[in-house]
């Protein structure tokens, strides 16, 4: 029995409990406070058994605690939630693998993945899971030497599927430890406000894009038709020409209105130079679609000299891969549009490999879809006039997103100015 002077809570032997630990920058990244708060919120109790705090910014910290709950079901719920913040069992055991009993569905009780780097334990060794992505399952190779995230629709009968939480651990995203002035990405945050200072954030975005372009990074841009409607097409085309776009995700609308401007000087029938409605301008996007379908697609239009400028022209001219994912409301659509949603997902998933920076501009659905495919380690910036776009990204789990509430045109204009101010890589 504990004495009256013992500050530790008395833990009943009749209540289920499990000892967990968390390592890394758990204090300044607020991981430990989040874990303790979650335990209390969910109705559990904790006993801190060991805490070792690093003395410098580079030094990791370590905490070990006993988690207790009223019953085994509640304990499992608590352990599952705090595992998302890096809490792992002290006495780990190997994970459980079960062969899939059919194509296109996991066995019951499969492990649901997050966008944070995950490891699983096989034969006493920890194995990193490849192609990290939220809302998938984990499939282990037959030789048990590799594992990867697999969407439900792609699992094949007989493949080894991870079941339950046992034998898993998550490596949560933590703050950068390099010295210097913190930037917008030092602490991943999805908080969004129309009153946040934008100049400093755009400057940090420019630095990140320059570093990705001049280093070993890979930049993905997700763009909506407002890029064209707001008169930002030339600015976006310049980003492509100067090497700041490695992959483009968009829909039928962006490509169509981009090429409408090339062929007719309009976007949705509005003259892009003086904002005047053009006579029969409402037909221009349909005539653009028809022209591209008759030619056989965007590349054919470039090769035949019909398309000589714009976003899609620059992509073709510089061999920038793109995915145009279709929707139920598309006119046409363009021959390049992937109308099968699962096929579009697979194409996007392949091109997400190696992406280190993602800029989402004025498109809610494509932004959320892309956010679902990206691991948490990727820097993500979402620019939209509607604050709810960034909020929806956060609600879906893309917590690493930095949000800017502004119109597309001024953002791209200021971004190009900031990129121009940066010293060249040769200096």
Protein backbone atom coordinates (compact mmCIF):
# COMPACT_ATOMS: atom_id res chain seq x y z
CA UNK A 1 0.00 0.00 0.00
CA UNK A 2 1.27 3.50 -0.88
CA UNK A 3 2.09 5.84 1.98
CA UNK A 4 0.34 9.18 2.32
CA UNK A 5 3.55 10.87 1.17
CA UNK A 6 3.81 8.81 -2.03
CA UNK A 7 2.81 11.14 -4.93
CA UNK A 8 2.18 8.27 -7.32
CA UNK A 9 -1.42 7.14 -7.78
CA UNK A 10 -2.29 3.72 -6.46
CA UNK A 11 -2.93 1.34 -9.36
CA UNK A 12 -5.33 -1.50 -8.74
CA UNK A 13 -4.04 -4.90 -9.77
CA UNK A 14 -7.55 -5.74 -10.92
CA UNK A 15 -7.54 -3.08 -13.64
CA UNK A 16 -5.93 -3.81 -17.01
CA UNK A 17 -2.77 -1.81 -17.74
CA UNK A 18 0.16 -1.66 -20.11
CA UNK A 19 3.55 0.02 -19.86
CA UNK A 20 4.46 2.23 -22.81
CA UNK A 21 7.34 4.50 -23.74
CA UNK A 22 7.87 7.47 -26.03
CA UNK A 23 11.18 8.78 -27.38
CA UNK A 24 12.44 11.75 -29.33
CA UNK A 25 11.72 15.46 -29.04
CA UNK A 26 8.67 14.74 -26.94
CA UNK A 27 8.72 17.95 -24.89
CA UNK A 28 9.16 20.76 -27.42
CA UNK A 29 7.11 18.88 -30.03
CA UNK A 30 4.39 18.57 -27.34
CA UNK A 31 4.09 14.83 -27.89
CA UNK A 32 4.24 13.90 -24.21
CA UNK A 33 1.62 16.48 -23.11
CA UNK A 34 -0.67 15.28 -25.92
CA UNK A 35 -0.30 11.67 -24.81
CA UNK A 36 -1.02 12.45 -21.16
CA UNK A 37 -4.00 14.62 -22.09
CA UNK A 38 -5.43 11.91 -24.36
CA UNK A 39 -5.21 9.30 -21.61
CA UNK A 40 -7.20 11.50 -19.22
CA UNK A 41 -9.72 12.60 -21.91
CA UNK A 42 -10.48 8.98 -22.81
CA UNK A 43 -11.07 8.01 -19.19
CA UNK A 44 -7.80 6.32 -18.34
CA UNK A 45 -5.06 6.94 -15.81
CA UNK A 46 -1.29 7.13 -16.08
CA UNK A 47 1.70 6.74 -13.81
CA UNK A 48 4.97 8.33 -14.96
CA UNK A 49 7.68 5.81 -14.12
CA UNK A 50 10.69 7.41 -15.79
CA UNK A 51 11.29 10.74 -17.55
CA UNK A 52 14.63 11.77 -19.03
CA UNK A 53 14.69 15.19 -20.67
CA UNK A 54 17.38 16.20 -23.17
CA UNK A 55 19.61 19.12 -22.21
CA UNK A 56 20.01 20.67 -25.70
CA UNK A 57 17.79 21.12 -28.75
CA UNK A 58 19.49 18.16 -30.40
CA UNK A 59 19.15 15.83 -27.44
CA UNK A 60 16.17 13.44 -27.49
CA UNK A 61 14.04 12.83 -24.42
CA UNK A 62 12.46 9.63 -23.09
CA UNK A 63 9.43 8.85 -20.96
CA UNK A 64 8.03 5.57 -19.66
CA UNK A 65 4.55 5.37 -18.18
CA UNK A 66 1.95 2.87 -17.05
CA UNK A 67 -1.46 3.31 -18.67
CA UNK A 68 -4.47 1.94 -16.78
CA UNK A 69 -8.15 1.73 -17.73
CA UNK A 70 -11.40 0.38 -16.30
CA UNK A 71 -11.54 -2.51 -18.76
CA UNK A 72 -9.57 -4.08 -21.60
CA UNK A 73 -11.70 -2.48 -24.33
CA UNK A 74 -11.07 1.03 -23.03
CA UNK A 75 -7.38 0.30 -22.54
CA UNK A 76 -7.06 -0.85 -26.14
CA UNK A 77 -8.82 2.29 -27.34
CA UNK A 78 -6.43 4.48 -25.32
CA UNK A 79 -3.33 2.61 -26.48
CA UNK A 80 -4.44 2.90 -30.09
CA UNK A 81 -4.96 6.67 -29.82
CA UNK A 82 -1.69 7.44 -28.05
CA UNK A 83 0.23 5.23 -30.48
CA UNK A 84 -0.49 7.91 -33.11
CA UNK A 85 1.80 10.18 -31.09
CA UNK A 86 4.60 7.63 -30.85
CA UNK A 87 3.69 5.76 -27.65
CA UNK A 88 4.75 2.13 -27.98
CA UNK A 89 4.69 -0.93 -25.74
CA UNK A 90 7.82 -1.44 -23.67
CA UNK A 91 7.64 -5.20 -24.10
CA UNK A 92 6.89 -5.50 -27.81
CA UNK A 93 5.86 -8.69 -29.52
CA UNK A 94 5.83 -9.68 -33.18
CA UNK A 95 2.97 -8.46 -35.32
CA UNK A 96 0.18 -10.77 -36.45
CA UNK A 97 -0.14 -11.57 -40.15
CA UNK A 98 -3.13 -13.22 -41.82
CA UNK A 99 -3.49 -14.15 -45.52
CA UNK A 100 -6.16 -12.17 -47.37
CA UNK A 101 -9.09 -14.48 -48.07
CA UNK A 102 -10.31 -12.58 -51.16
CA UNK A 103 -9.35 -9.89 -53.65
CA UNK A 104 -10.31 -6.30 -52.85
CA UNK A 105 -10.97 -6.66 -49.10
CA UNK A 106 -8.83 -7.10 -46.00
CA UNK A 107 -9.44 -9.73 -43.34
CA UNK A 108 -11.48 -8.49 -40.36
CA UNK A 109 -9.43 -6.65 -37.75
CA UNK A 110 -6.84 -5.33 -40.24
CA UNK A 111 -4.52 -2.52 -39.13
CA UNK A 112 -5.67 0.89 -40.43
CA UNK A 113 -2.68 3.00 -41.45
CA UNK A 114 -2.00 6.68 -40.79
CA UNK A 115 0.13 9.09 -42.81
CA UNK A 116 2.97 8.84 -40.26
CA UNK A 117 5.98 6.59 -40.74
CA UNK A 118 5.15 3.12 -39.38
CA UNK A 119 7.29 0.15 -38.45
CA UNK A 120 6.23 -3.43 -37.77
CA UNK A 121 8.03 -6.16 -35.85
CA UNK A 122 8.73 -9.49 -37.57
CA UNK A 123 10.95 -12.18 -36.03
CA UNK A 124 12.11 -9.72 -33.38
CA UNK A 125 13.25 -7.11 -35.92
CA UNK A 126 11.59 -3.78 -36.76
CA UNK A 127 10.74 -3.29 -40.43
CA UNK A 128 9.82 0.07 -41.98
CA UNK A 129 6.58 0.15 -43.96
CA UNK A 130 7.04 1.56 -47.49
CA UNK A 131 4.71 3.89 -49.38
CA UNK A 132 3.27 5.35 -46.20
CA UNK A 133 -0.32 6.50 -46.73
CA UNK A 134 -3.37 6.96 -44.55
CA UNK A 135 -6.50 4.79 -44.73
CA UNK A 136 -4.79 1.71 -46.12
CA UNK A 137 -3.74 -1.69 -44.82
CA UNK A 138 -0.23 -3.13 -44.53
CA UNK A 139 0.79 -6.04 -46.77
CA UNK A 140 3.98 -7.98 -46.00
CA UNK A 141 5.98 -9.68 -48.75
CA UNK A 142 6.05 -13.47 -48.82
CA UNK A 143 9.70 -13.48 -47.68
CA UNK A 144 8.73 -11.18 -44.76
CA UNK A 145 11.55 -8.78 -45.61
CA UNK A 146 9.46 -5.84 -46.80
CA UNK A 147 6.07 -4.29 -46.13
CA UNK A 148 4.03 -1.61 -47.83
CA UNK A 149 0.78 0.30 -47.50
CA UNK A 150 -1.87 -1.04 -49.86
CA UNK A 151 -5.34 0.43 -50.54
CA UNK A 152 -8.25 -1.87 -49.89
CA UNK A 153 -9.17 -2.19 -53.57
CA UNK A 154 -5.67 -3.46 -54.48
CA UNK A 155 -5.17 -6.28 -51.98
CA UNK A 156 -4.89 -9.72 -53.58
CA UNK A 157 -6.05 -13.01 -52.10
CA UNK A 158 -3.22 -14.81 -50.32
CA UNK A 159 -1.18 -11.69 -49.49
CA UNK A 160 -0.08 -11.39 -45.86
CA UNK A 161 -2.04 -8.62 -44.14
CA UNK A 162 -1.19 -6.98 -40.81
CA UNK A 163 -3.87 -7.58 -38.17
CA UNK A 164 -4.32 -5.41 -35.07
CA UNK A 165 -1.99 -2.98 -33.30
CA UNK A 166 0.42 -5.44 -31.68
CA UNK A 167 3.93 -5.34 -33.09
CA UNK A 168 3.54 -1.88 -34.60
CA UNK A 169 5.06 1.47 -33.80
CA UNK A 170 4.72 4.94 -35.28
CA UNK A 171 7.52 7.48 -35.73
CA UNK A 172 5.65 10.79 -35.36
CA UNK A 173 6.69 13.95 -37.18
CA UNK A 174 8.78 16.10 -34.85
CA UNK A 175 10.20 19.57 -35.11
CA UNK A 176 13.42 20.24 -36.98
CA UNK A 177 16.53 20.20 -34.80
CA UNK A 178 18.76 22.32 -37.04
CA UNK A 179 19.81 25.65 -35.49
CA UNK A 180 18.64 28.91 -37.01
CA UNK A 181 15.47 30.94 -37.37
CA UNK A 182 12.33 28.76 -37.29
CA UNK A 183 10.19 28.89 -40.43
CA UNK A 184 6.54 28.15 -41.14
CA UNK A 185 7.32 24.41 -41.19
CA UNK A 186 9.19 24.21 -37.86
CA UNK A 187 6.01 23.04 -36.15
CA UNK A 188 3.51 21.38 -38.46
CA UNK A 189 0.18 23.10 -37.89
CA UNK A 190 -3.09 23.17 -39.78
CA UNK A 191 -4.38 26.23 -37.94
CA UNK A 192 -5.73 28.71 -40.49
CA UNK A 193 -6.70 32.34 -40.15
CA UNK A 194 -7.38 35.23 -42.52
CA UNK A 195 -5.44 37.48 -40.13
CA UNK A 196 -2.14 35.61 -40.14
CA UNK A 197 0.78 37.55 -41.68
CA UNK A 198 1.26 36.10 -45.15
CA UNK A 199 4.52 37.71 -46.26
CA UNK A 200 6.75 35.72 -43.92
CA UNK A 201 4.96 32.47 -44.78
CA UNK A 202 5.29 33.05 -48.54
CA UNK A 203 9.00 33.76 -48.01
CA UNK A 204 9.39 30.42 -46.22
CA UNK A 205 7.47 28.67 -49.00
CA UNK A 206 9.82 30.20 -51.58
CA UNK A 207 12.87 28.99 -49.62
CA UNK A 208 11.47 25.48 -49.39
CA UNK A 209 10.68 25.37 -53.11
CA UNK A 210 14.14 26.66 -54.03
CA UNK A 211 15.76 24.08 -51.75
CA UNK A 212 13.68 21.31 -53.33
CA UNK A 213 14.47 22.46 -56.86
CA UNK A 214 18.20 22.85 -56.28
CA UNK A 215 18.63 19.81 -54.04
CA UNK A 216 17.14 16.34 -54.14
CA UNK A 217 13.54 17.42 -53.65
CA UNK A 218 10.49 16.85 -55.79
CA UNK A 219 7.69 19.43 -56.02
CA UNK A 220 4.06 18.48 -56.60
CA UNK A 221 1.52 21.16 -57.44
CA UNK A 222 -2.21 20.53 -57.19
CA UNK A 223 -4.15 23.24 -59.04
CA UNK A 224 -7.73 24.19 -59.78
CA UNK A 225 -9.25 26.23 -62.64
CA UNK A 226 -9.17 29.42 -60.55
CA UNK A 227 -5.50 29.62 -61.53
CA UNK A 228 -6.74 30.47 -65.03
CA UNK A 229 -9.90 32.38 -64.05
CA UNK A 230 -7.94 34.83 -61.85
CA UNK A 231 -5.37 35.63 -64.53
CA UNK A 232 -2.56 33.61 -62.91
CA UNK A 233 -1.83 31.28 -65.80
CA UNK A 234 1.33 33.05 -66.96
CA UNK A 235 2.74 33.08 -63.42
CA UNK A 236 2.07 29.37 -63.05
CA UNK A 237 3.59 28.68 -66.46
CA UNK A 238 6.72 30.51 -65.33
CA UNK A 239 6.98 28.25 -62.27
CA UNK A 240 7.03 25.27 -64.63
CA UNK A 241 9.63 26.84 -66.94
CA UNK A 242 11.94 27.66 -64.04
CA UNK A 243 11.87 24.13 -62.64
CA UNK A 244 9.54 24.57 -59.66
CA UNK A 245 7.06 21.92 -60.80
CA UNK A 246 7.99 18.25 -61.02
CA UNK A 247 4.45 16.83 -61.00
CA UNK A 248 1.02 18.37 -61.67
CA UNK A 249 -2.32 17.09 -60.38
CA UNK A 250 -5.48 18.73 -61.67
CA UNK A 251 -8.81 18.03 -63.27
CA UNK A 252 -10.52 18.47 -66.61
CA UNK A 253 -11.35 22.12 -65.83
CA UNK A 254 -7.84 23.48 -65.28
CA UNK A 255 -6.52 21.96 -68.50
CA UNK A 256 -9.59 22.93 -70.51
CA UNK A 257 -9.67 26.60 -69.44
CA UNK A 258 -5.90 26.87 -69.77
CA UNK A 259 -6.15 25.78 -73.39
CA UNK A 260 -9.30 27.88 -73.91
CA UNK A 261 -7.17 30.92 -73.07
CA UNK A 262 -4.52 29.78 -75.55
CA UNK A 263 -7.04 29.31 -78.36
CA UNK A 264 -9.58 32.06 -77.66
CA UNK A 265 -8.06 34.43 -75.10
CA UNK A 266 -10.88 33.69 -72.67
CA UNK A 267 -11.60 31.69 -69.53
CA UNK A 268 -15.22 30.61 -69.12
CA UNK A 269 -15.94 33.00 -71.97
CA UNK A 270 -14.47 36.05 -70.18
CA UNK A 271 -11.64 37.94 -71.88
CA UNK A 272 -8.58 37.49 -69.62
CA UNK A 273 -7.09 40.88 -70.52
CA UNK A 274 -10.03 43.22 -69.82
CA UNK A 275 -12.57 40.92 -68.06
CA UNK A 276 -15.26 41.59 -70.71
CA UNK A 277 -17.66 38.79 -71.67
CA UNK A 278 -17.00 37.67 -75.25
CA UNK A 279 -19.75 37.09 -77.77
CA UNK A 280 -20.70 33.41 -77.59
CA UNK A 281 -17.84 33.01 -75.13
CA UNK A 282 -19.81 30.46 -73.16
CA UNK A 283 -19.11 28.03 -76.03
CA UNK A 284 -15.35 28.46 -75.98
CA UNK A 285 -14.55 25.76 -73.46
CA UNK A 286 -16.71 23.25 -75.37
CA UNK A 287 -15.04 24.17 -78.65
CA UNK A 288 -11.66 23.78 -76.97
CA UNK A 289 -12.63 20.32 -75.72
CA UNK A 290 -13.86 19.34 -79.17
CA UNK A 291 -10.64 20.52 -80.81
CA UNK A 292 -8.50 18.50 -78.41
CA UNK A 293 -10.64 15.41 -78.86
CA UNK A 294 -10.39 15.70 -82.66
CA UNK A 295 -6.60 16.10 -82.45
CA UNK A 296 -6.24 13.15 -80.08
CA UNK A 297 -5.12 14.92 -76.90
CA UNK A 298 -2.89 17.60 -75.43
CA UNK A 299 0.44 16.20 -76.64
CA UNK A 300 -0.89 15.88 -80.17
CA UNK A 301 -2.04 19.50 -80.04
CA UNK A 302 1.45 20.62 -79.03
CA UNK A 303 3.19 18.45 -81.62
CA UNK A 304 0.89 19.75 -84.39
CA UNK A 305 1.51 23.38 -83.41
CA UNK A 306 -2.07 24.08 -82.33
CA UNK A 307 -1.15 24.60 -78.66
CA UNK A 308 1.84 26.94 -78.24
CA UNK A 309 1.56 28.42 -74.76
CA UNK A 310 0.09 27.90 -71.30
CA UNK A 311 0.28 25.46 -68.43
CA UNK A 312 -0.36 22.26 -70.34
CA UNK A 313 1.95 23.36 -73.17
CA UNK A 314 4.78 23.87 -70.65
CA UNK A 315 4.14 20.44 -69.13
CA UNK A 316 4.38 18.75 -72.53
CA UNK A 317 7.38 20.82 -73.63
CA UNK A 318 9.32 19.97 -70.46
CA UNK A 319 8.05 16.40 -69.99
CA UNK A 320 6.39 17.21 -66.67
CA UNK A 321 4.17 14.25 -65.68
CA UNK A 322 0.58 15.12 -64.82
CA UNK A 323 -2.62 13.43 -63.77
CA UNK A 324 -5.95 14.91 -64.82
CA UNK A 325 -8.51 13.13 -62.65
CA UNK A 326 -12.10 13.23 -63.87
CA UNK A 327 -15.34 13.97 -62.04
CA UNK A 328 -19.00 13.30 -62.72
CA UNK A 329 -19.62 16.89 -63.86
CA UNK A 330 -16.88 17.07 -66.52
CA UNK A 331 -17.72 18.29 -70.00
CA UNK A 332 -16.01 16.33 -72.75
CA UNK A 333 -13.80 15.31 -71.09
CA UNK A 334 -10.33 15.78 -72.56
CA UNK A 335 -8.77 12.55 -73.89
CA UNK A 336 -6.05 12.94 -71.24
CA UNK A 337 -8.52 12.82 -68.34
CA UNK A 338 -8.62 9.58 -66.34
CA UNK A 339 -12.32 8.90 -65.79
CA UNK A 340 -11.90 5.75 -63.69
CA UNK A 341 -11.43 7.08 -60.12
CA UNK A 342 -9.46 4.03 -58.95
CA UNK A 343 -7.17 4.29 -61.98
CA UNK A 344 -6.68 7.99 -61.22
CA UNK A 345 -5.82 7.16 -57.60
CA UNK A 346 -3.22 4.64 -58.72
CA UNK A 347 -1.65 7.09 -61.16
CA UNK A 348 -1.50 9.79 -58.49
CA UNK A 349 -0.13 7.33 -55.93
CA UNK A 350 2.76 6.40 -58.24
CA UNK A 351 3.69 10.02 -58.90
CA UNK A 352 3.60 10.87 -55.18
CA UNK A 353 6.67 8.69 -54.69
CA UNK A 354 9.62 10.90 -53.77
CA UNK A 355 7.60 14.11 -53.40
CA UNK A 356 9.06 16.34 -50.67
CA UNK A 357 6.97 19.51 -51.13
CA UNK A 358 3.35 19.92 -52.20
CA UNK A 359 1.63 23.18 -53.08
CA UNK A 360 -2.17 23.03 -53.34
CA UNK A 361 -3.81 25.98 -55.09
CA UNK A 362 -7.54 26.70 -55.19
CA UNK A 363 -9.01 23.23 -55.42
CA UNK A 364 -10.81 21.57 -52.54
CA UNK A 365 -11.50 18.05 -53.79
CA UNK A 366 -8.17 17.48 -55.53
CA UNK A 367 -6.33 18.90 -52.51
CA UNK A 368 -8.08 16.56 -50.08
CA UNK A 369 -7.56 13.60 -52.40
CA UNK A 370 -3.84 14.36 -52.68
CA UNK A 371 -3.51 14.96 -48.94
CA UNK A 372 -4.84 11.44 -48.37
CA UNK A 373 -1.99 10.03 -50.47
CA UNK A 374 0.94 11.91 -48.93
CA UNK A 375 2.98 10.82 -45.90
CA UNK A 376 3.18 13.28 -43.00
CA UNK A 377 6.86 14.02 -43.67
CA UNK A 378 5.97 15.92 -46.87
CA UNK A 379 5.72 19.70 -46.47
CA UNK A 380 2.24 20.74 -47.63
CA UNK A 381 0.95 24.25 -48.34
CA UNK A 382 -2.71 24.88 -49.18
CA UNK A 383 -3.66 28.25 -50.69
CA UNK A 384 -7.35 28.98 -51.03
CA UNK A 385 -9.75 31.89 -50.71
CA UNK A 386 -11.99 29.58 -48.67
CA UNK A 387 -10.68 28.75 -45.16
CA UNK A 388 -12.76 25.57 -45.02
CA UNK A 389 -10.52 23.92 -47.62
CA UNK A 390 -7.59 23.86 -45.20
CA UNK A 391 -9.90 22.89 -42.33
CA UNK A 392 -11.19 19.92 -44.32
CA UNK A 393 -7.64 18.81 -45.04
CA UNK A 394 -6.91 18.83 -41.30
CA UNK A 395 -10.15 16.98 -40.56
CA UNK A 396 -9.10 14.25 -42.97
CA UNK A 397 -5.76 13.81 -41.19
CA UNK A 398 -3.36 15.99 -43.21
CA UNK A 399 -2.26 17.79 -40.05
CA UNK A 400 1.08 18.87 -41.57
CA UNK A 401 -0.65 21.37 -43.90
CA UNK A 402 0.22 25.06 -43.70
CA UNK A 403 -2.79 27.14 -44.79
CA UNK A 404 -2.91 30.52 -46.50
CA UNK A 405 -6.28 32.22 -46.99
CA UNK A 406 -5.85 34.42 -50.04
CA UNK A 407 -6.66 34.67 -53.73
CA UNK A 408 -4.48 32.75 -56.17
CA UNK A 409 -3.22 35.67 -58.28
CA UNK A 410 -1.63 37.78 -55.51
CA UNK A 411 -0.14 34.66 -53.92
CA UNK A 412 1.59 33.51 -57.12
CA UNK A 413 2.75 37.05 -57.87
CA UNK A 414 4.33 37.45 -54.43
CA UNK A 415 5.76 33.91 -54.55
CA UNK A 416 7.56 34.68 -57.82
CA UNK A 417 8.89 37.93 -56.34
CA UNK A 418 10.26 36.04 -53.32
CA UNK A 419 11.84 33.40 -55.56
CA UNK A 420 13.49 36.16 -57.60
CA UNK A 421 14.97 37.67 -54.43
CA UNK A 422 16.64 34.43 -53.38
CA UNK A 423 20.33 34.14 -54.34
CA UNK A 424 21.07 31.80 -57.21
CA UNK A 425 22.57 28.41 -56.41
CA UNK A 426 25.85 29.48 -58.02
CA UNK A 427 26.35 32.31 -55.55
